[in-house]
C-alpha cells in the first residue's frame, strides 16, 4: 500500500476559493480540520478514505489492496463520509453565520 502525506495532497484536493487573505486563512483552517477529521477516522477507515478520495482508487482496487470485499469498503467509506460531513458541517455552519 502506498503511503500518503495529507499535507502534500490537501491543497490539491481542496483548492482555495480566492486570493483574499481572510478567505485563504479560512481555507487553511478548513484544510486542517479535514486532515484532522480524516486522521480521526481510525486506521482502516482513514486508509480507505485516502486511497479513494486522495489517490483515486475505486472500491474494487481498495478491497484487493486491503484483502477485504468491495462491499466492506463501500460500507466503511459511507460511514467515514457521514462522520466527516457531521464534523465539517459543524465548522461550516459556525463560520457561515459569522
PDB file of N, CA and C in Angstrom:
ATOM      1  N   UNK A   1       0.845  -1.187   0.000  1.00  0.00           N
ATOM      2  CA  UNK A   1       0.000   0.000   0.000  1.00  0.00           C
ATOM      3  C   UNK A   1       0.881   1.237   0.000  1.00  0.00           C
ATOM      4  N   UNK A   2       0.493   2.202  -0.805  1.00  0.00           N
ATOM      5  CA  UNK A   2       1.248   3.448  -0.866  1.00  0.00           C
ATOM      6  C   UNK A   2       0.873   4.358   0.295  1.00  0.00           C
ATOM      7  N   UNK A   3       1.873   4.998   0.883  1.00  0.00           N
ATOM      8  CA  UNK A   3       1.621   5.955   1.966  1.00  0.00           C
ATOM      9  C   UNK A   3       1.314   7.311   1.349  1.00  0.00           C
ATOM     10  N   UNK A   4       0.438   8.051   2.003  1.00  0.00           N
ATOM     11  CA  UNK A   4       0.055   9.366   1.503  1.00  0.00           C
ATOM     12  C   UNK A   4       0.205  10.377   2.619  1.00  0.00           C
ATOM     13  N   UNK A   5       0.897  11.468   2.337  1.00  0.00           N
ATOM     14  CA  UNK A   5       1.020  12.560   3.281  1.00  0.00           C
ATOM     15  C   UNK A   5      -0.072  13.568   2.956  1.00  0.00           C
ATOM     16  N   UNK A   6      -1.050  13.691   3.843  1.00  0.00           N
ATOM     17  CA  UNK A   6      -2.179  14.578   3.574  1.00  0.00           C
ATOM     18  C   UNK A   6      -1.751  16.035   3.455  1.00  0.00           C
ATOM     19  N   UNK A   7      -0.661  16.418   4.106  1.00  0.00           N
ATOM     20  CA  UNK A   7      -0.198  17.792   3.990  1.00  0.00           C
ATOM     21  C   UNK A   7       0.140  18.136   2.541  1.00  0.00           C
ATOM     22  N   UNK A   8       0.676  17.160   1.811  1.00  0.00           N
ATOM     23  CA  UNK A   8       1.050  17.395   0.423  1.00  0.00           C
ATOM     24  C   UNK A   8      -0.154  17.406  -0.505  1.00  0.00           C
ATOM     25  N   UNK A   9      -1.163  16.615  -0.202  1.00  0.00           N
ATOM     26  CA  UNK A   9      -2.285  16.462  -1.125  1.00  0.00           C
ATOM     27  C   UNK A   9      -3.467  17.354  -0.814  1.00  0.00           C
ATOM     28  N   UNK A  10      -3.559  17.861   0.397  1.00  0.00           N
ATOM     29  CA  UNK A  10      -4.767  18.576   0.775  1.00  0.00           C
ATOM     30  C   UNK A  10      -5.018  19.814  -0.070  1.00  0.00           C
ATOM     31  N   UNK A  11      -3.983  20.535  -0.433  1.00  0.00           N
ATOM     32  CA  UNK A  11      -4.204  21.741  -1.219  1.00  0.00           C
ATOM     33  C   UNK A  11      -4.644  21.416  -2.641  1.00  0.00           C
ATOM     34  N   UNK A  12      -4.185  20.288  -3.171  1.00  0.00           N
ATOM     35  CA  UNK A  12      -4.632  19.868  -4.491  1.00  0.00           C
ATOM     36  C   UNK A  12      -6.091  19.419  -4.451  1.00  0.00           C
ATOM     37  N   UNK A  13      -6.459  18.706  -3.393  1.00  0.00           N
ATOM     38  CA  UNK A  13      -7.812  18.176  -3.280  1.00  0.00           C
ATOM     39  C   UNK A  13      -8.829  19.262  -2.948  1.00  0.00           C
ATOM     40  N   UNK A  14      -8.393  20.297  -2.237  1.00  0.00           N
ATOM     41  CA  UNK A  14      -9.297  21.359  -1.817  1.00  0.00           C
ATOM     42  C   UNK A  14      -8.663  22.715  -2.125  1.00  0.00           C
ATOM     43  N   UNK A  15      -8.700  23.140  -3.398  1.00  0.00           N
ATOM     44  CA  UNK A  15      -8.047  24.391  -3.755  1.00  0.00           C
ATOM     45  C   UNK A  15      -8.724  25.603  -3.120  1.00  0.00           C
ATOM     46  N   UNK A  16      -7.975  26.656  -2.939  1.00  0.00           N
ATOM     47  CA  UNK A  16      -8.526  27.891  -2.375  1.00  0.00           C
ATOM     48  C   UNK A  16      -9.576  28.483  -3.289  1.00  0.00           C
ATOM     49  N   UNK A  17     -10.561  29.103  -2.670  1.00  0.00           N
ATOM     50  CA  UNK A  17     -11.650  29.716  -3.437  1.00  0.00           C
ATOM     51  C   UNK A  17     -11.233  31.062  -4.005  1.00  0.00           C
ATOM     52  N   UNK A  18     -10.301  31.727  -3.341  1.00  0.00           N
ATOM     53  CA  UNK A  18      -9.973  33.088  -3.725  1.00  0.00           C
ATOM     54  C   UNK A  18      -8.590  33.453  -3.212  1.00  0.00           C
ATOM     55  N   UNK A  19      -8.078  34.583  -3.677  1.00  0.00           N
ATOM     56  CA  UNK A  19      -6.795  35.074  -3.202  1.00  0.00           C
ATOM     57  C   UNK A  19      -6.970  35.999  -1.996  1.00  0.00           C
ATOM     58  N   UNK A  20      -8.191  36.281  -1.590  1.00  0.00           N
ATOM     59  CA  UNK A  20      -8.491  37.111  -0.431  1.00  0.00           C
ATOM     60  C   UNK A  20      -7.814  36.507   0.800  1.00  0.00           C
ATOM     61  N   UNK A  21      -6.996  37.302   1.533  1.00  0.00           N
ATOM     62  CA  UNK A  21      -6.277  36.759   2.692  1.00  0.00           C
ATOM     63  C   UNK A  21      -7.196  36.146   3.756  1.00  0.00           C
ATOM     64  N   UNK A  22      -8.329  36.759   4.015  1.00  0.00           N
ATOM     65  CA  UNK A  22      -9.258  36.226   5.008  1.00  0.00           C
ATOM     66  C   UNK A  22      -9.827  34.882   4.566  1.00  0.00           C
ATOM     67  N   UNK A  23     -10.206  34.783   3.295  1.00  0.00           N
ATOM     68  CA  UNK A  23     -10.730  33.522   2.762  1.00  0.00           C
ATOM     69  C   UNK A  23      -9.631  32.472   2.712  1.00  0.00           C
ATOM     70  N   UNK A  24      -8.415  32.879   2.382  1.00  0.00           N
ATOM     71  CA  UNK A  24      -7.290  31.940   2.337  1.00  0.00           C
ATOM     72  C   UNK A  24      -7.034  31.375   3.730  1.00  0.00           C
ATOM     73  N   UNK A  25      -7.141  32.221   4.762  1.00  0.00           N
ATOM     74  CA  UNK A  25      -6.968  31.748   6.140  1.00  0.00           C
ATOM     75  C   UNK A  25      -8.071  30.753   6.500  1.00  0.00           C
ATOM     76  N   UNK A  26      -9.309  31.057   6.117  1.00  0.00           N
ATOM     77  CA  UNK A  26     -10.429  30.148   6.384  1.00  0.00           C
ATOM     78  C   UNK A  26     -10.216  28.825   5.655  1.00  0.00           C
ATOM     79  N   UNK A  27      -9.703  28.876   4.417  1.00  0.00           N
ATOM     80  CA  UNK A  27      -9.421  27.659   3.659  1.00  0.00           C
ATOM     81  C   UNK A  27      -8.355  26.820   4.360  1.00  0.00           C
ATOM     82  N   UNK A  28      -7.308  27.474   4.864  1.00  0.00           N
ATOM     83  CA  UNK A  28      -6.259  26.746   5.580  1.00  0.00           C
ATOM     84  C   UNK A  28      -6.833  26.075   6.818  1.00  0.00           C
ATOM     85  N   UNK A  29      -7.691  26.796   7.524  1.00  0.00           N
ATOM     86  CA  UNK A  29      -8.308  26.236   8.723  1.00  0.00           C
ATOM     87  C   UNK A  29      -9.187  25.041   8.364  1.00  0.00           C
ATOM     88  N   UNK A  30      -9.926  25.158   7.262  1.00  0.00           N
ATOM     89  CA  UNK A  30     -10.767  24.062   6.803  1.00  0.00           C
ATOM     90  C   UNK A  30      -9.909  22.864   6.384  1.00  0.00           C
ATOM     91  N   UNK A  31      -8.812  23.108   5.701  1.00  0.00           N
ATOM     92  CA  UNK A  31      -7.899  22.021   5.301  1.00  0.00           C
ATOM     93  C   UNK A  31      -7.372  21.291   6.530  1.00  0.00           C
ATOM     94  N   UNK A  32      -7.013  22.051   7.571  1.00  0.00           N
ATOM     95  CA  UNK A  32      -6.531  21.440   8.809  1.00  0.00           C
ATOM     96  C   UNK A  32      -7.626  20.599   9.446  1.00  0.00           C
ATOM     97  N   UNK A  33      -8.834  21.127   9.460  1.00  0.00           N
ATOM     98  CA  UNK A  33      -9.963  20.392  10.025  1.00  0.00           C
ATOM     99  C   UNK A  33     -10.197  19.089   9.267  1.00  0.00           C
ATOM    100  N   UNK A  34     -10.136  19.144   7.949  1.00  0.00           N
ATOM    101  CA  UNK A  34     -10.337  17.946   7.123  1.00  0.00           C
ATOM    102  C   UNK A  34      -9.237  16.929   7.405  1.00  0.00           C
ATOM    103  N   UNK A  35      -7.996  17.391   7.433  1.00  0.00           N
ATOM    104  CA  UNK A  35      -6.867  16.491   7.715  1.00  0.00           C
ATOM    105  C   UNK A  35      -7.034  15.826   9.081  1.00  0.00           C
ATOM    106  N   UNK A  36      -7.384  16.628  10.086  1.00  0.00           N
ATOM    107  CA  UNK A  36      -7.574  16.080  11.436  1.00  0.00           C
ATOM    108  C   UNK A  36      -8.757  15.118  11.487  1.00  0.00           C
ATOM    109  N   UNK A  37      -9.831  15.452  10.787  1.00  0.00           N
ATOM    110  CA  UNK A  37     -11.018  14.589  10.775  1.00  0.00           C
ATOM    111  C   UNK A  37     -10.707  13.258  10.093  1.00  0.00           C
ATOM    112  N   UNK A  38      -9.976  13.294   8.990  1.00  0.00           N
ATOM    113  CA  UNK A  38      -9.595  12.053   8.298  1.00  0.00           C
ATOM    114  C   UNK A  38      -8.675  11.226   9.197  1.00  0.00           C
ATOM    115  N   UNK A  39      -7.745  11.889   9.874  1.00  0.00           N
ATOM    116  CA  UNK A  39      -6.841  11.172  10.785  1.00  0.00           C
ATOM    117  C   UNK A  39      -7.621  10.534  11.931  1.00  0.00           C
ATOM    118  N   UNK A  40      -8.735  11.134  12.317  1.00  0.00           N
ATOM    119  CA  UNK A  40      -9.539  10.613  13.412  1.00  0.00           C
ATOM    120  C   UNK A  40     -10.488   9.499  13.022  1.00  0.00           C
ATOM    121  N   UNK A  41     -10.490   9.119  11.759  1.00  0.00           N
ATOM    122  CA  UNK A  41     -11.383   8.050  11.308  1.00  0.00           C
ATOM    123  C   UNK A  41     -10.960   6.674  11.811  1.00  0.00           C
ATOM    124  N   UNK A  42      -9.722   6.541  12.187  1.00  0.00           N
ATOM    125  CA  UNK A  42      -9.186   5.230  12.536  1.00  0.00           C
ATOM    126  C   UNK A  42      -8.334   4.725  11.388  1.00  0.00           C
ATOM    127  N   UNK A  43      -7.490   3.762  11.693  1.00  0.00           N
ATOM    128  CA  UNK A  43      -6.507   3.299  10.705  1.00  0.00           C
ATOM    129  C   UNK A  43      -7.140   2.798   9.408  1.00  0.00           C
ATOM    130  N   UNK A  44      -8.052   1.861   9.494  1.00  0.00           N
ATOM    131  CA  UNK A  44      -8.625   1.254   8.284  1.00  0.00           C
ATOM    132  C   UNK A  44      -9.479   2.239   7.512  1.00  0.00           C
ATOM    133  N   UNK A  45     -10.394   2.915   8.197  1.00  0.00           N
ATOM    134  CA  UNK A  45     -11.277   3.867   7.513  1.00  0.00           C
ATOM    135  C   UNK A  45     -10.475   5.018   6.929  1.00  0.00           C
ATOM    136  N   UNK A  46      -9.494   5.506   7.666  1.00  0.00           N
ATOM    137  CA  UNK A  46      -8.656   6.591   7.168  1.00  0.00           C
ATOM    138  C   UNK A  46      -7.875   6.176   5.936  1.00  0.00           C
ATOM    139  N   UNK A  47      -7.332   4.960   5.976  1.00  0.00           N
ATOM    140  CA  UNK A  47      -6.576   4.455   4.830  1.00  0.00           C
ATOM    141  C   UNK A  47      -7.483   4.310   3.604  1.00  0.00           C
ATOM    142  N   UNK A  48      -8.666   3.749   3.816  1.00  0.00           N
ATOM    143  CA  UNK A  48      -9.611   3.598   2.700  1.00  0.00           C
ATOM    144  C   UNK A  48     -10.016   4.948   2.137  1.00  0.00           C
ATOM    145  N   UNK A  49     -10.267   5.908   3.009  1.00  0.00           N
ATOM    146  CA  UNK A  49     -10.687   7.241   2.568  1.00  0.00           C
ATOM    147  C   UNK A  49      -9.593   7.899   1.723  1.00  0.00           C
ATOM    148  N   UNK A  50      -8.366   7.820   2.199  1.00  0.00           N
ATOM    149  CA  UNK A  50      -7.247   8.416   1.457  1.00  0.00           C
ATOM    150  C   UNK A  50      -7.063   7.722   0.115  1.00  0.00           C
ATOM    151  N   UNK A  51      -7.121   6.402   0.102  1.00  0.00           N
ATOM    152  CA  UNK A  51      -6.968   5.674  -1.161  1.00  0.00           C
ATOM    153  C   UNK A  51      -8.064   6.054  -2.156  1.00  0.00           C
ATOM    154  N   UNK A  52      -9.271   6.235  -1.673  1.00  0.00           N
ATOM    155  CA  UNK A  52     -10.402   6.548  -2.554  1.00  0.00           C
ATOM    156  C   UNK A  52     -10.392   7.997  -3.020  1.00  0.00           C
ATOM    157  N   UNK A  53     -10.310   8.928  -2.073  1.00  0.00           N
ATOM    158  CA  UNK A  53     -10.539  10.327  -2.413  1.00  0.00           C
ATOM    159  C   UNK A  53      -9.283  11.149  -2.653  1.00  0.00           C
ATOM    160  N   UNK A  54      -8.138  10.673  -2.218  1.00  0.00           N
ATOM    161  CA  UNK A  54      -6.895  11.387  -2.489  1.00  0.00           C
ATOM    162  C   UNK A  54      -6.079  10.688  -3.572  1.00  0.00           C
ATOM    163  N   UNK A  55      -6.144   9.354  -3.593  1.00  0.00           N
ATOM    164  CA  UNK A  55      -5.357   8.591  -4.562  1.00  0.00           C
ATOM    165  C   UNK A  55      -6.166   8.175  -5.782  1.00  0.00           C
ATOM    166  N   UNK A  56      -7.496   8.163  -5.675  1.00  0.00           N
ATOM    167  CA  UNK A  56      -8.349   7.879  -6.824  1.00  0.00           C
ATOM    168  C   UNK A  56      -8.623   6.418  -7.127  1.00  0.00           C
ATOM    169  N   UNK A  57      -8.331   5.522  -6.192  1.00  0.00           N
ATOM    170  CA  UNK A  57      -8.627   4.111  -6.420  1.00  0.00           C
ATOM    171  C   UNK A  57     -10.124   3.862  -6.262  1.00  0.00           C
ATOM    172  N   UNK A  58     -10.645   2.865  -6.979  1.00  0.00           N
ATOM    173  CA  UNK A  58     -12.052   2.520  -6.796  1.00  0.00           C
ATOM    174  C   UNK A  58     -12.176   1.470  -5.690  1.00  0.00           C
ATOM    175  N   UNK A  59     -13.417   1.199  -5.287  1.00  0.00           N
ATOM    176  CA  UNK A  59     -13.656   0.281  -4.177  1.00  0.00           C
ATOM    177  C   UNK A  59     -13.085  -1.110  -4.426  1.00  0.00           C
ATOM    178  N   UNK A  60     -13.175  -1.581  -5.652  1.00  0.00           N
ATOM    179  CA  UNK A  60     -12.641  -2.905  -6.019  1.00  0.00           C
ATOM    180  C   UNK A  60     -11.130  -2.955  -5.791  1.00  0.00           C
ATOM    181  N   UNK A  61     -10.428  -1.916  -6.249  1.00  0.00           N
ATOM    182  CA  UNK A  61      -8.971  -1.869  -6.095  1.00  0.00           C
ATOM    183  C   UNK A  61      -8.574  -1.784  -4.614  1.00  0.00           C
ATOM    184  N   UNK A  62      -9.307  -0.979  -3.869  1.00  0.00           N
ATOM    185  CA  UNK A  62      -9.026  -0.838  -2.439  1.00  0.00           C
ATOM    186  C   UNK A  62      -9.247  -2.176  -1.728  1.00  0.00           C
ATOM    187  N   UNK A  63     -10.318  -2.863  -2.080  1.00  0.00           N
ATOM    188  CA  UNK A  63     -10.610  -4.162  -1.476  1.00  0.00           C
ATOM    189  C   UNK A  63      -9.461  -5.137  -1.712  1.00  0.00           C
ATOM    190  N   UNK A  64      -8.929  -5.162  -2.921  1.00  0.00           N
ATOM    191  CA  UNK A  64      -7.802  -6.054  -3.226  1.00  0.00           C
ATOM    192  C   UNK A  64      -6.575  -5.681  -2.404  1.00  0.00           C
ATOM    193  N   UNK A  65      -6.283  -4.377  -2.321  1.00  0.00           N
ATOM    194  CA  UNK A  65      -5.106  -3.919  -1.581  1.00  0.00           C
ATOM    195  C   UNK A  65      -5.188  -4.273  -0.102  1.00  0.00           C
ATOM    196  N   UNK A  66      -6.387  -4.205   0.457  1.00  0.00           N
ATOM    197  CA  UNK A  66      -6.556  -4.393   1.895  1.00  0.00           C
ATOM    198  C   UNK A  66      -7.135  -5.761   2.256  1.00  0.00           C
ATOM    199  N   UNK A  67      -7.186  -6.641   1.276  1.00  0.00           N
ATOM    200  CA  UNK A  67      -7.684  -8.008   1.488  1.00  0.00           C
ATOM    201  C   UNK A  67      -9.057  -8.041   2.160  1.00  0.00           C
ATOM    202  N   UNK A  68      -9.989  -7.363   1.544  1.00  0.00           N
ATOM    203  CA  UNK A  68     -11.365  -7.345   2.034  1.00  0.00           C
ATOM    204  C   UNK A  68     -12.289  -7.315   0.826  1.00  0.00           C
ATOM    205  N   UNK A  69     -13.574  -7.154   1.044  1.00  0.00           N
ATOM    206  CA  UNK A  69     -14.507  -7.134  -0.073  1.00  0.00           C
ATOM    207  C   UNK A  69     -14.873  -5.702  -0.449  1.00  0.00           C
ATOM    208  N   UNK A  70     -15.261  -5.480  -1.710  1.00  0.00           N
ATOM    209  CA  UNK A  70     -15.712  -4.148  -2.124  1.00  0.00           C
ATOM    210  C   UNK A  70     -16.911  -3.665  -1.295  1.00  0.00           C
ATOM    211  N   UNK A  71     -17.754  -4.608  -0.846  1.00  0.00           N
ATOM    212  CA  UNK A  71     -18.906  -4.220  -0.035  1.00  0.00           C
ATOM    213  C   UNK A  71     -18.447  -3.625   1.303  1.00  0.00           C
ATOM    214  N   UNK A  72     -17.447  -4.236   1.919  1.00  0.00           N
ATOM    215  CA  UNK A  72     -16.910  -3.709   3.176  1.00  0.00           C
ATOM    216  C   UNK A  72     -16.319  -2.323   2.945  1.00  0.00           C
ATOM    217  N   UNK A  73     -15.587  -2.159   1.857  1.00  0.00           N
ATOM    218  CA  UNK A  73     -15.006  -0.853   1.530  1.00  0.00           C
ATOM    219  C   UNK A  73     -16.122   0.179   1.391  1.00  0.00           C
ATOM    220  N   UNK A  74     -17.177  -0.162   0.676  1.00  0.00           N
ATOM    221  CA  UNK A  74     -18.298   0.758   0.481  1.00  0.00           C
ATOM    222  C   UNK A  74     -18.948   1.173   1.791  1.00  0.00           C
ATOM    223  N   UNK A  75     -19.152   0.207   2.678  1.00  0.00           N
ATOM    224  CA  UNK A  75     -19.770   0.498   3.986  1.00  0.00           C
ATOM    225  C   UNK A  75     -18.861   1.393   4.820  1.00  0.00           C
ATOM    226  N   UNK A  76     -17.578   1.062   4.871  1.00  0.00           N
ATOM    227  CA  UNK A  76     -16.628   1.852   5.656  1.00  0.00           C
ATOM    228  C   UNK A  76     -16.549   3.277   5.113  1.00  0.00           C
ATOM    229  N   UNK A  77     -16.496   3.417   3.790  1.00  0.00           N
ATOM    230  CA  UNK A  77     -16.433   4.761   3.200  1.00  0.00           C
ATOM    231  C   UNK A  77     -17.707   5.548   3.450  1.00  0.00           C
ATOM    232  N   UNK A  78     -18.843   4.890   3.398  1.00  0.00           N
ATOM    233  CA  UNK A  78     -20.107   5.573   3.678  1.00  0.00           C
ATOM    234  C   UNK A  78     -20.110   6.114   5.112  1.00  0.00           C
ATOM    235  N   UNK A  79     -19.707   5.283   6.048  1.00  0.00           N
ATOM    236  CA  UNK A  79     -19.647   5.715   7.453  1.00  0.00           C
ATOM    237  C   UNK A  79     -18.633   6.835   7.648  1.00  0.00           C
ATOM    238  N   UNK A  80     -17.501   6.735   6.959  1.00  0.00           N
ATOM    239  CA  UNK A  80     -16.472   7.778   7.061  1.00  0.00           C
ATOM    240  C   UNK A  80     -16.999   9.104   6.529  1.00  0.00           C
ATOM    241  N   UNK A  81     -17.668   9.068   5.378  1.00  0.00           N
ATOM    242  CA  UNK A  81     -18.230  10.308   4.807  1.00  0.00           C
ATOM    243  C   UNK A  81     -19.264  10.918   5.741  1.00  0.00           C
ATOM    244  N   UNK A  82     -20.094  10.066   6.349  1.00  0.00           N
ATOM    245  CA  UNK A  82     -21.113  10.550   7.278  1.00  0.00           C
ATOM    246  C   UNK A  82     -20.460  11.241   8.473  1.00  0.00           C
ATOM    247  N   UNK A  83     -19.433  10.613   9.013  1.00  0.00           N
ATOM    248  CA  UNK A  83     -18.726  11.194  10.160  1.00  0.00           C
ATOM    249  C   UNK A  83     -18.059  12.514   9.777  1.00  0.00           C
ATOM    250  N   UNK A  84     -17.393  12.542   8.625  1.00  0.00           N
ATOM    251  CA  UNK A  84     -16.716  13.764   8.189  1.00  0.00           C
ATOM    252  C   UNK A  84     -17.715  14.880   7.907  1.00  0.00           C
ATOM    253  N   UNK A  85     -18.827  14.532   7.273  1.00  0.00           N
ATOM    254  CA  UNK A  85     -19.860  15.526   6.994  1.00  0.00           C
ATOM    255  C   UNK A  85     -20.348  16.191   8.280  1.00  0.00           C
ATOM    256  N   UNK A  86     -20.543  15.367   9.296  1.00  0.00           N
ATOM    257  CA  UNK A  86     -21.028  15.875  10.581  1.00  0.00           C
ATOM    258  C   UNK A  86     -19.991  16.808  11.207  1.00  0.00           C
ATOM    259  N   UNK A  87     -18.743  16.366  11.261  1.00  0.00           N
ATOM    260  CA  UNK A  87     -17.687  17.176  11.873  1.00  0.00           C
ATOM    261  C   UNK A  87     -17.434  18.462  11.097  1.00  0.00           C
ATOM    262  N   UNK A  88     -17.323  18.345   9.803  1.00  0.00           N
ATOM    263  CA  UNK A  88     -17.027  19.518   8.979  1.00  0.00           C
ATOM    264  C   UNK A  88     -18.250  20.416   8.871  1.00  0.00           C
ATOM    265  N   UNK A  89     -19.430  19.818   8.876  1.00  0.00           N
ATOM    266  CA  UNK A  89     -20.671  20.592   8.817  1.00  0.00           C
ATOM    267  C   UNK A  89     -20.805  21.539   9.986  1.00  0.00           C
ATOM    268  N   UNK A  90     -20.432  21.097  11.188  1.00  0.00           N
ATOM    269  CA  UNK A  90     -20.481  21.970  12.358  1.00  0.00           C
ATOM    270  C   UNK A  90     -19.571  23.183  12.149  1.00  0.00           C
ATOM    271  N   UNK A  91     -18.377  22.956  11.610  1.00  0.00           N
ATOM    272  CA  UNK A  91     -17.438  24.048  11.340  1.00  0.00           C
ATOM    273  C   UNK A  91     -18.026  25.020  10.314  1.00  0.00           C
ATOM    274  N   UNK A  92     -18.558  24.483   9.227  1.00  0.00           N
ATOM    275  CA  UNK A  92     -19.092  25.339   8.169  1.00  0.00           C
ATOM    276  C   UNK A  92     -20.296  26.148   8.645  1.00  0.00           C
ATOM    277  N   UNK A  93     -21.168  25.530   9.436  1.00  0.00           N
ATOM    278  CA  UNK A  93     -22.318  26.245   9.978  1.00  0.00           C
ATOM    279  C   UNK A  93     -21.859  27.393  10.868  1.00  0.00           C
ATOM    280  N   UNK A  94     -20.898  27.131  11.707  1.00  0.00           N
ATOM    281  CA  UNK A  94     -20.368  28.142  12.638  1.00  0.00           C
ATOM    282  C   UNK A  94     -19.782  29.316  11.874  1.00  0.00           C
ATOM    283  N   UNK A  95     -19.010  29.034  10.824  1.00  0.00           N
ATOM    284  CA  UNK A  95     -18.342  30.102  10.078  1.00  0.00           C
ATOM    285  C   UNK A  95     -19.257  30.778   9.068  1.00  0.00           C
ATOM    286  N   UNK A  96     -20.305  30.101   8.658  1.00  0.00           N
ATOM    287  CA  UNK A  96     -21.251  30.697   7.722  1.00  0.00           C
ATOM    288  C   UNK A  96     -22.081  31.777   8.422  1.00  0.00           C
ATOM    289  N   UNK A  97     -22.331  31.585   9.719  1.00  0.00           N
ATOM    290  CA  UNK A  97     -23.126  32.544  10.490  1.00  0.00           C
ATOM    291  C   UNK A  97     -22.364  33.834  10.743  1.00  0.00           C
ATOM    292  N   UNK A  98     -21.043  33.785  10.715  1.00  0.00           N
ATOM    293  CA  UNK A  98     -20.231  34.971  11.062  1.00  0.00           C
ATOM    294  C   UNK A  98     -20.216  35.977   9.954  1.00  0.00           C
TER     295      UNK A  98
END
